[in-house]
Amino acid sequence: MSAPQLIASGQEGTLKDQIVGYFQRIKNGDMGALPAVVALLALAVLFTGLSPYFLTKLNVANLFVQAAELTVLACALVFVLLLAEIDLSAGVTAGVGMGLFIILNQKMGLPWPIAVLGALCVGLLVGSFIGFFVAKIGVPSFVVTLGLFLGFQGLQLIMLGDGGLYRVDIPEILALMNSNMPDWGGWLMVVVMVLVTLGLSLWDRARRSKAGLTSRPISLMIAKVIVIGGLSSILVAVLNENRSVSILPISGVPIVIPVVIAIIFIGTFVLDRTRFGRHLYAVGGNPEAARRSGIKVASIRISAFVICSTLAVVSGLLHVSRLGSVEASAGRSIVLSGVAAAVVGGVSLFGGRGKLIHAAIGALVIAIIDNGLGLIGLPAGINFLVTGGVLIAAATIDALSRKRSGGSLVRM
């Protein structure tokens, strides 16, 4: 049968067939972010019952702000986890980048945009360094990044001084995590999200039709746009209300939310709709088969580490924005939480499976655990125990689903 020429046509079965197929994929072990979504809803219900403050407007806004830094770092790590690699140095790479930012801005007097660009260059250089040793020399990524994790802690002390702490007073930097958009800005964000989602969906259908491929029912596309528009509208409506507990009103969507959404949208576009993204999944699924098909495996690996380290510096910038300072110990512990967020969200440790939105959901799960346990007054030790247990459960689900779907747990 020839391919349909109309964008609205679809030949991959009816809506019912798609739903049946989805549950069949779950039965076969391909659960994606479903466990994380279930955990997210369960935790939300649990903490709502345990604390009257959990679902307040103020706490909802704080929750998304608290999750922003971890979300960006988890998204950064997705690019290397898809290759069944790891980057233990991502957190301290961000710390070194912010150390250079302080040197360029406060000690050398350069404008803050140039200092930020210099910090991003740190991520680019570190990612290239890791990628070279992993892809060209053959050193395991665990060893290379562990070495940098240890070494960069010393470099941070050299750059900022033993116990160094530098205050950041740049309004544009501080606004990222501490200021809100006007009410109309939140609604503009919703419109942009809906239009971008609709445009990309129509573009995908047009490309598939041109290539002679079938498309899913148009009803699925419409449902996707409605869900994104509906959920984002509810969130904006809540955040646009006054959530202040004092006489000074606080309302509007935090500026960091559209920033994080933009990163997820762009990263998803790269992974799902570019040749690089397809090659990345191919290398992560079976590097030897990818090499034999003509994919430049080494270049893909290097590029993935470059993206990871550069995005890690962006997460470091959000950390500085939230605290208003740069400290010499920055980034030493958050990388493990970033890996946990990605895995909890459904990104496979064995490579070839996962999306940025999965990492974002996982980061939100961990943020809810941290936020909720704090609200009910449990000690920090319980937080680590619960997060560790959730991570082990997620990794176990990943391994079992991999076995059920016939995937190998051993890299080729």
Protein backbone atom coordinates (compact mmCIF):
# COMPACT_ATOMS: atom_id res chain seq x y z
CA MET A 1 0.00 0.00 0.00
CA SER A 2 1.35 3.42 -0.90
CA ALA A 3 2.03 5.91 1.84
CA PRO A 4 -0.70 8.42 2.66
CA GLN A 5 -0.16 11.89 1.29
CA LEU A 6 -2.26 13.72 3.86
CA ILE A 7 -0.72 14.74 7.17
CA ALA A 8 -3.92 13.83 9.02
CA SER A 9 -3.91 10.24 7.77
CA GLY A 10 -2.45 7.37 9.75
CA GLN A 11 -1.96 3.70 9.03
CA GLU A 12 -0.33 2.36 12.23
CA GLY A 13 -3.64 0.98 13.45
CA THR A 14 -6.51 2.61 15.27
CA LEU A 15 -6.31 4.36 18.62
CA LYS A 16 -7.39 1.12 20.26
CA ASP A 17 -4.57 -0.72 18.48
CA GLN A 18 -2.06 1.83 19.81
CA ILE A 19 -3.31 1.41 23.38
CA VAL A 20 -3.17 -2.39 23.10
CA GLY A 21 0.32 -2.13 21.64
CA TYR A 22 1.45 0.10 24.51
CA PHE A 23 0.33 -2.39 27.14
CA GLN A 24 1.94 -5.18 25.14
CA ARG A 25 5.26 -3.30 25.23
CA ILE A 26 4.88 -2.93 28.99
CA LYS A 27 4.21 -6.66 29.28
CA ASN A 28 7.37 -7.34 27.28
CA GLY A 29 9.44 -5.22 29.66
CA ASP A 30 9.58 -1.85 27.88
CA MET A 31 8.03 0.26 30.67
CA GLY A 32 9.82 3.53 30.00
CA ALA A 33 8.93 6.15 32.60
CA LEU A 34 5.79 4.37 33.83
CA PRO A 35 7.29 3.24 37.19
CA ALA A 36 8.58 6.79 37.82
CA VAL A 37 5.19 8.31 37.00
CA VAL A 38 3.47 5.87 39.37
CA ALA A 39 6.03 6.69 42.07
CA LEU A 40 5.53 10.42 41.44
CA LEU A 41 1.77 10.17 41.91
CA ALA A 42 2.09 7.88 44.93
CA LEU A 43 4.56 10.20 46.65
CA ALA A 44 2.39 13.22 45.93
CA VAL A 45 -0.64 11.52 47.50
CA LEU A 46 1.44 10.29 50.45
CA PHE A 47 2.98 13.64 51.34
CA THR A 48 -0.30 15.47 50.76
CA GLY A 49 -1.80 13.28 53.45
CA LEU A 50 1.18 13.65 55.79
CA SER A 51 1.69 17.40 55.50
CA PRO A 52 -0.86 20.18 54.96
CA TYR A 53 1.88 22.33 53.41
CA PHE A 54 2.89 19.99 50.57
CA LEU A 55 0.31 21.08 47.99
CA THR A 56 0.34 24.76 48.88
CA LYS A 57 1.08 27.21 46.07
CA LEU A 58 4.32 28.28 47.73
CA ASN A 59 5.62 24.75 48.10
CA VAL A 60 4.67 23.77 44.53
CA ALA A 61 6.74 26.69 43.22
CA ASN A 62 9.63 25.85 45.54
CA LEU A 63 9.49 22.21 44.47
CA PHE A 64 10.00 23.03 40.80
CA VAL A 65 12.79 25.48 41.61
CA GLN A 66 14.52 22.93 43.85
CA ALA A 67 14.31 20.29 41.11
CA ALA A 68 15.67 22.54 38.33
CA GLU A 69 19.39 22.09 38.99
CA LEU A 70 19.07 18.32 39.41
CA THR A 71 16.88 18.08 36.29
CA VAL A 72 19.49 19.77 34.08
CA LEU A 73 22.28 17.59 35.48
CA ALA A 74 20.20 14.42 35.01
CA CYS A 75 19.46 15.44 31.41
CA ALA A 76 23.18 15.98 30.86
CA LEU A 77 23.96 12.49 32.13
CA VAL A 78 21.35 10.92 29.83
CA PHE A 79 23.65 11.50 26.84
CA VAL A 80 26.39 9.30 28.32
CA LEU A 81 24.06 6.81 30.01
CA LEU A 82 22.54 6.08 26.59
CA LEU A 83 26.00 4.82 25.63
CA ALA A 84 26.16 2.66 28.78
CA GLU A 85 28.86 5.03 30.06
CA ILE A 86 29.07 7.17 33.20
CA ASP A 87 30.41 10.60 34.12
CA LEU A 88 31.23 10.85 37.81
CA SER A 89 32.98 14.18 37.27
CA ALA A 90 29.95 16.12 35.99
CA GLY A 91 29.29 17.81 39.33
CA VAL A 92 32.85 18.95 40.00
CA THR A 93 33.21 19.96 36.35
CA ALA A 94 30.39 22.40 37.03
CA GLY A 95 32.25 23.52 40.15
CA VAL A 96 35.46 24.18 38.17
CA GLY A 97 33.44 26.02 35.54
CA MET A 98 31.93 28.27 38.19
CA GLY A 99 35.39 28.76 39.71
CA LEU A 100 36.62 30.06 36.35
CA PHE A 101 33.51 32.23 36.19
CA ILE A 102 34.55 33.90 39.46
CA ILE A 103 38.13 34.37 38.29
CA LEU A 104 37.08 35.94 34.99
CA ASN A 105 34.31 38.12 36.42
CA GLN A 106 35.48 39.18 39.88
CA LYS A 107 39.26 38.89 39.68
CA MET A 108 39.83 39.90 36.06
CA GLY A 109 36.85 42.23 35.75
CA LEU A 110 35.39 40.72 32.57
CA PRO A 111 31.65 41.13 31.85
CA TRP A 112 29.50 38.32 33.19
CA PRO A 113 28.38 37.00 29.75
CA ILE A 114 32.04 36.45 28.81
CA ALA A 115 32.67 34.78 32.17
CA VAL A 116 29.70 32.45 31.59
CA LEU A 117 31.01 31.62 28.12
CA GLY A 118 34.40 30.81 29.66
CA ALA A 119 32.71 28.49 32.15
CA LEU A 120 30.88 26.70 29.33
CA CYS A 121 34.21 26.25 27.54
CA VAL A 122 35.40 24.35 30.62
CA GLY A 123 32.61 21.86 30.05
CA LEU A 124 33.49 21.57 26.37
CA LEU A 125 37.19 20.94 27.09
CA VAL A 126 36.54 18.48 29.92
CA GLY A 127 34.02 16.55 27.83
CA SER A 128 36.49 16.37 24.95
CA PHE A 129 39.19 15.12 27.35
CA ILE A 130 36.97 12.38 28.77
CA GLY A 131 35.68 11.40 25.34
CA PHE A 132 39.19 11.12 23.93
CA PHE A 133 40.37 8.75 26.66
CA VAL A 134 37.20 6.67 26.51
CA ALA A 135 36.75 6.52 22.71
CA LYS A 136 40.32 6.66 21.46
CA ILE A 137 42.44 5.17 24.24
CA GLY A 138 39.87 2.72 25.59
CA VAL A 139 40.03 3.71 29.27
CA PRO A 140 36.71 2.92 31.01
CA SER A 141 34.65 6.04 31.60
CA PHE A 142 34.27 5.11 35.27
CA VAL A 143 38.04 5.31 35.76
CA VAL A 144 38.58 8.52 33.79
CA THR A 145 35.72 10.40 35.41
CA LEU A 146 36.56 9.10 38.89
CA GLY A 147 40.08 10.45 38.43
CA LEU A 148 38.69 13.83 37.40
CA PHE A 149 36.20 13.73 40.27
CA LEU A 150 39.10 13.46 42.72
CA GLY A 151 41.46 15.81 40.87
CA PHE A 152 38.94 18.59 40.26
CA GLN A 153 38.20 18.84 43.97
CA GLY A 154 41.81 19.87 44.42
CA LEU A 155 41.63 22.20 41.41
CA GLN A 156 38.63 23.96 42.95
CA LEU A 157 40.62 24.57 46.14
CA ILE A 158 43.50 25.97 44.11
CA MET A 159 41.23 28.25 42.10
CA LEU A 160 39.10 29.56 44.97
CA GLY A 161 41.28 28.96 48.00
CA ASP A 162 40.86 26.53 50.87
CA GLY A 163 37.29 27.00 52.04
CA GLY A 164 36.83 29.81 49.52
CA LEU A 165 33.39 31.36 49.21
CA TYR A 166 32.61 34.15 46.74
CA ARG A 167 29.36 36.04 46.70
CA VAL A 168 27.63 36.60 43.33
CA ASP A 169 25.66 39.84 43.02
CA ILE A 170 24.84 39.79 39.30
CA PRO A 171 21.07 40.44 38.99
CA GLU A 172 20.73 38.50 35.72
CA ILE A 173 22.33 35.40 37.27
CA LEU A 174 20.37 35.59 40.51
CA ALA A 175 17.09 36.07 38.66
CA LEU A 176 17.31 32.61 37.09
CA MET A 177 16.33 30.81 40.30
CA ASN A 178 14.94 33.60 42.43
CA SER A 179 12.67 35.70 40.22
CA ASN A 180 9.36 35.10 38.46
CA MET A 181 7.95 36.01 35.09
CA PRO A 182 4.96 38.37 34.83
CA ASP A 183 1.60 36.61 34.69
CA TRP A 184 1.35 37.04 30.93
CA GLY A 185 4.78 35.41 30.54
CA GLY A 186 3.45 32.13 31.94
CA TRP A 187 0.57 32.08 29.47
CA LEU A 188 2.95 32.93 26.65
CA MET A 189 5.03 29.93 27.71
CA VAL A 190 1.94 27.70 27.42
CA VAL A 191 1.15 29.01 23.94
CA VAL A 192 4.74 28.48 22.77
CA MET A 193 4.81 24.93 24.18
CA VAL A 194 1.54 24.01 22.47
CA LEU A 195 2.57 25.55 19.14
CA VAL A 196 6.02 23.92 19.21
CA THR A 197 4.53 20.53 20.10
CA LEU A 198 1.91 20.82 17.38
CA GLY A 199 4.42 22.05 14.81
CA LEU A 200 6.91 19.27 15.51
CA SER A 201 4.15 16.65 15.41
CA LEU A 202 2.87 17.88 12.05
CA TRP A 203 6.43 18.08 10.73
CA ASP A 204 7.07 14.49 11.82
CA ARG A 205 3.93 13.29 10.05
CA ALA A 206 4.84 15.19 6.89
CA ARG A 207 8.33 13.69 6.86
CA ARG A 208 7.01 10.17 7.39
CA SER A 209 4.44 10.63 4.63
CA LYS A 210 7.12 11.92 2.25
CA ALA A 211 9.37 8.97 3.09
CA GLY A 212 6.57 6.48 2.48
CA LEU A 213 6.20 5.59 6.16
CA THR A 214 3.00 5.21 8.12
CA SER A 215 1.92 7.49 10.95
CA ARG A 216 0.01 7.01 14.15
CA PRO A 217 -3.63 8.12 14.33
CA ILE A 218 -4.13 11.88 14.32
CA SER A 219 -6.15 11.48 17.53
CA LEU A 220 -2.96 10.57 19.42
CA MET A 221 -1.28 13.76 18.26
CA ILE A 222 -4.29 15.83 19.28
CA ALA A 223 -4.42 14.10 22.67
CA LYS A 224 -0.72 14.81 23.24
CA VAL A 225 -1.16 18.52 22.47
CA ILE A 226 -4.24 18.72 24.72
CA VAL A 227 -2.45 17.02 27.64
CA ILE A 228 0.60 19.30 27.37
CA GLY A 229 -1.58 22.38 27.04
CA GLY A 230 -3.90 21.33 29.86
CA LEU A 231 -1.22 20.40 32.40
CA SER A 232 0.89 23.47 31.67
CA SER A 233 -2.20 25.71 31.91
CA ILE A 234 -3.08 24.29 35.33
CA LEU A 235 0.48 24.83 36.53
CA VAL A 236 0.58 28.42 35.25
CA ALA A 237 -2.83 29.20 36.76
CA VAL A 238 -1.61 27.97 40.16
CA LEU A 239 1.73 29.77 40.00
CA ASN A 240 0.13 33.04 38.85
CA GLU A 241 -1.80 33.25 42.11
CA ASN A 242 -0.29 35.09 45.06
CA ARG A 243 1.67 32.55 47.12
CA SER A 244 3.28 34.96 49.57
CA VAL A 245 2.96 34.46 53.32
CA SER A 246 3.78 38.11 53.96
CA ILE A 247 2.36 41.44 52.82
CA LEU A 248 4.58 41.50 49.71
CA PRO A 249 2.87 39.56 46.90
CA ILE A 250 4.71 36.76 45.07
CA SER A 251 3.24 35.38 41.87
CA GLY A 252 4.22 34.22 38.43
CA VAL A 253 6.08 31.26 36.93
CA PRO A 254 9.70 31.07 38.16
CA ILE A 255 12.09 32.07 35.37
CA VAL A 256 14.01 28.81 35.67
CA ILE A 257 10.99 26.72 34.60
CA PRO A 258 10.92 27.85 30.92
CA VAL A 259 14.73 27.63 30.90
CA VAL A 260 14.63 23.96 31.94
CA ILE A 261 11.72 23.24 29.56
CA ALA A 262 13.72 24.76 26.69
CA ILE A 263 16.70 22.53 27.51
CA ILE A 264 14.46 19.45 27.54
CA PHE A 265 12.76 20.43 24.27
CA ILE A 266 16.06 21.10 22.47
CA GLY A 267 17.72 17.98 23.84
CA THR A 268 14.72 15.85 22.90
CA PHE A 269 14.75 17.29 19.40
CA VAL A 270 18.44 16.37 19.06
CA LEU A 271 17.91 12.81 20.30
CA ASP A 272 14.67 12.05 18.45
CA ARG A 273 14.95 13.99 15.19
CA THR A 274 18.61 14.24 14.18
CA ARG A 275 21.10 11.80 12.74
CA PHE A 276 23.32 12.29 15.78
CA GLY A 277 20.49 11.20 18.07
CA ARG A 278 19.73 8.09 16.03
CA HIS A 279 23.42 7.19 15.98
CA LEU A 280 23.68 7.74 19.73
CA TYR A 281 20.89 5.24 20.41
CA ALA A 282 22.43 2.81 17.91
CA VAL A 283 25.86 2.96 19.56
CA GLY A 284 24.30 2.54 22.99
CA GLY A 285 22.24 -0.44 21.86
CA ASN A 286 25.05 -2.30 20.07
CA PRO A 287 28.33 -0.45 19.41
CA GLU A 288 29.79 -3.19 17.22
CA ALA A 289 26.75 -3.32 14.96
CA ALA A 290 26.79 0.48 14.79
CA ARG A 291 30.46 0.46 13.77
CA ARG A 292 29.82 -2.08 11.03
CA SER A 293 26.95 0.01 9.69
CA GLY A 294 29.30 2.93 9.15
CA ILE A 295 28.59 5.02 12.24
CA LYS A 296 31.61 6.87 13.61
CA VAL A 297 31.38 5.41 17.10
CA ALA A 298 34.33 7.34 18.53
CA SER A 299 32.93 10.69 17.38
CA ILE A 300 29.54 9.88 18.88
CA ARG A 301 31.12 9.01 22.22
CA ILE A 302 33.21 12.18 22.32
CA SER A 303 30.23 14.34 21.37
CA ALA A 304 28.09 12.77 24.10
CA PHE A 305 30.66 13.54 26.79
CA VAL A 306 31.04 17.11 25.48
CA ILE A 307 27.28 17.68 25.73
CA CYS A 308 27.17 16.11 29.18
CA SER A 309 29.96 18.24 30.63
CA THR A 310 28.67 21.45 29.04
CA LEU A 311 25.12 20.92 30.34
CA ALA A 312 26.63 20.08 33.74
CA VAL A 313 28.14 23.58 33.82
CA VAL A 314 24.66 24.98 33.10
CA SER A 315 23.38 23.11 36.16
CA GLY A 316 26.26 24.61 38.12
CA LEU A 317 25.14 28.07 37.02
CA LEU A 318 21.66 27.33 38.39
CA HIS A 319 23.27 26.23 41.65
CA VAL A 320 25.11 29.55 41.90
CA SER A 321 21.93 31.44 41.08
CA ARG A 322 20.02 29.73 43.84
CA LEU A 323 22.66 30.19 46.55
CA GLY A 324 24.03 33.51 45.36
CA SER A 325 27.58 32.30 45.88
CA VAL A 326 30.33 30.02 44.53
CA GLU A 327 32.03 27.69 46.98
CA ALA A 328 35.12 25.53 46.60
CA SER A 329 33.23 22.35 47.48
CA ALA A 330 30.51 22.70 44.84
CA GLY A 331 29.40 19.63 42.90
CA ARG A 332 30.88 16.88 45.05
CA SER A 333 27.66 15.05 45.84
CA ILE A 334 25.03 16.09 43.33
CA VAL A 335 26.35 13.94 40.47
CA LEU A 336 25.22 10.76 42.24
CA SER A 337 21.77 12.25 42.65
CA GLY A 338 21.83 13.10 38.93
CA VAL A 339 22.56 9.49 38.02
CA ALA A 340 19.86 8.37 40.43
CA ALA A 341 17.34 10.76 38.88
CA ALA A 342 18.01 9.50 35.36
CA VAL A 343 17.80 5.84 36.37
CA VAL A 344 14.70 6.35 38.52
CA GLY A 345 13.07 8.08 35.55
CA GLY A 346 13.61 5.07 33.30
CA VAL A 347 16.94 5.68 31.56
CA SER A 348 18.68 2.32 31.22
CA LEU A 349 22.11 1.83 32.76
CA PHE A 350 22.80 -0.67 29.99
CA GLY A 351 22.53 1.90 27.20
CA GLY A 352 20.26 2.50 24.23
CA ARG A 353 17.05 3.27 26.15
CA GLY A 354 15.78 6.47 27.73
CA LYS A 355 14.73 10.07 27.07
CA LEU A 356 15.35 13.45 28.63
CA ILE A 357 11.78 13.68 29.86
CA HIS A 358 12.39 10.45 31.77
CA ALA A 359 15.33 12.05 33.58
CA ALA A 360 13.19 15.11 34.34
CA ILE A 361 10.48 12.92 35.89
CA GLY A 362 13.11 11.08 37.93
CA ALA A 363 14.55 14.38 39.17
CA LEU A 364 11.08 15.47 40.23
CA VAL A 365 10.61 12.18 42.13
CA ILE A 366 13.85 12.73 44.06
CA ALA A 367 12.96 16.39 44.68
CA ILE A 368 9.56 15.35 46.07
CA ILE A 369 11.24 12.84 48.40
CA ASP A 370 13.63 15.52 49.68
CA ASN A 371 10.90 18.15 49.95
CA GLY A 372 8.26 15.92 51.50
CA LEU A 373 10.51 14.33 54.11
CA GLY A 374 11.69 17.79 55.09
CA LEU A 375 8.12 19.01 55.54
CA ILE A 376 7.22 16.16 57.89
CA GLY A 377 10.39 16.72 59.90
CA LEU A 378 12.27 13.49 59.29
CA PRO A 379 16.10 13.61 59.59
CA ALA A 380 18.32 13.90 56.53
CA GLY A 381 19.54 10.34 56.99
CA ILE A 382 16.08 9.02 56.16
CA ASN A 383 16.20 11.00 52.92
CA PHE A 384 19.36 9.21 51.81
CA LEU A 385 17.93 5.82 52.79
CA VAL A 386 14.69 6.37 50.87
CA THR A 387 16.47 7.77 47.79
CA GLY A 388 18.91 4.85 47.79
CA GLY A 389 16.07 2.37 48.06
CA VAL A 390 14.20 4.00 45.18
CA LEU A 391 17.36 3.89 43.05
CA ILE A 392 17.95 0.19 43.75
CA ALA A 393 14.32 -0.56 42.93
CA ALA A 394 14.57 1.39 39.66
CA ALA A 395 17.80 -0.35 38.65
CA THR A 396 16.24 -3.73 39.45
CA ILE A 397 13.19 -2.94 37.32
CA ASP A 398 15.53 -1.87 34.51
CA ALA A 399 17.51 -5.12 34.69
CA LEU A 400 14.42 -7.33 34.85
CA SER A 401 12.69 -5.50 32.01
CA ARG A 402 15.87 -5.80 29.94
CA LYS A 403 15.88 -9.56 30.47
CA ARG A 404 12.20 -9.86 29.64
CA SER A 405 12.59 -7.88 26.43
CA GLY A 406 15.50 -10.10 25.37
CA GLY A 407 18.24 -7.45 25.78
CA SER A 408 21.70 -8.41 26.94
CA LEU A 409 23.05 -7.06 30.20
CA VAL A 410 26.59 -7.33 28.87
CA ARG A 411 27.96 -4.69 26.54
CA MET A 412 29.38 -5.91 23.24
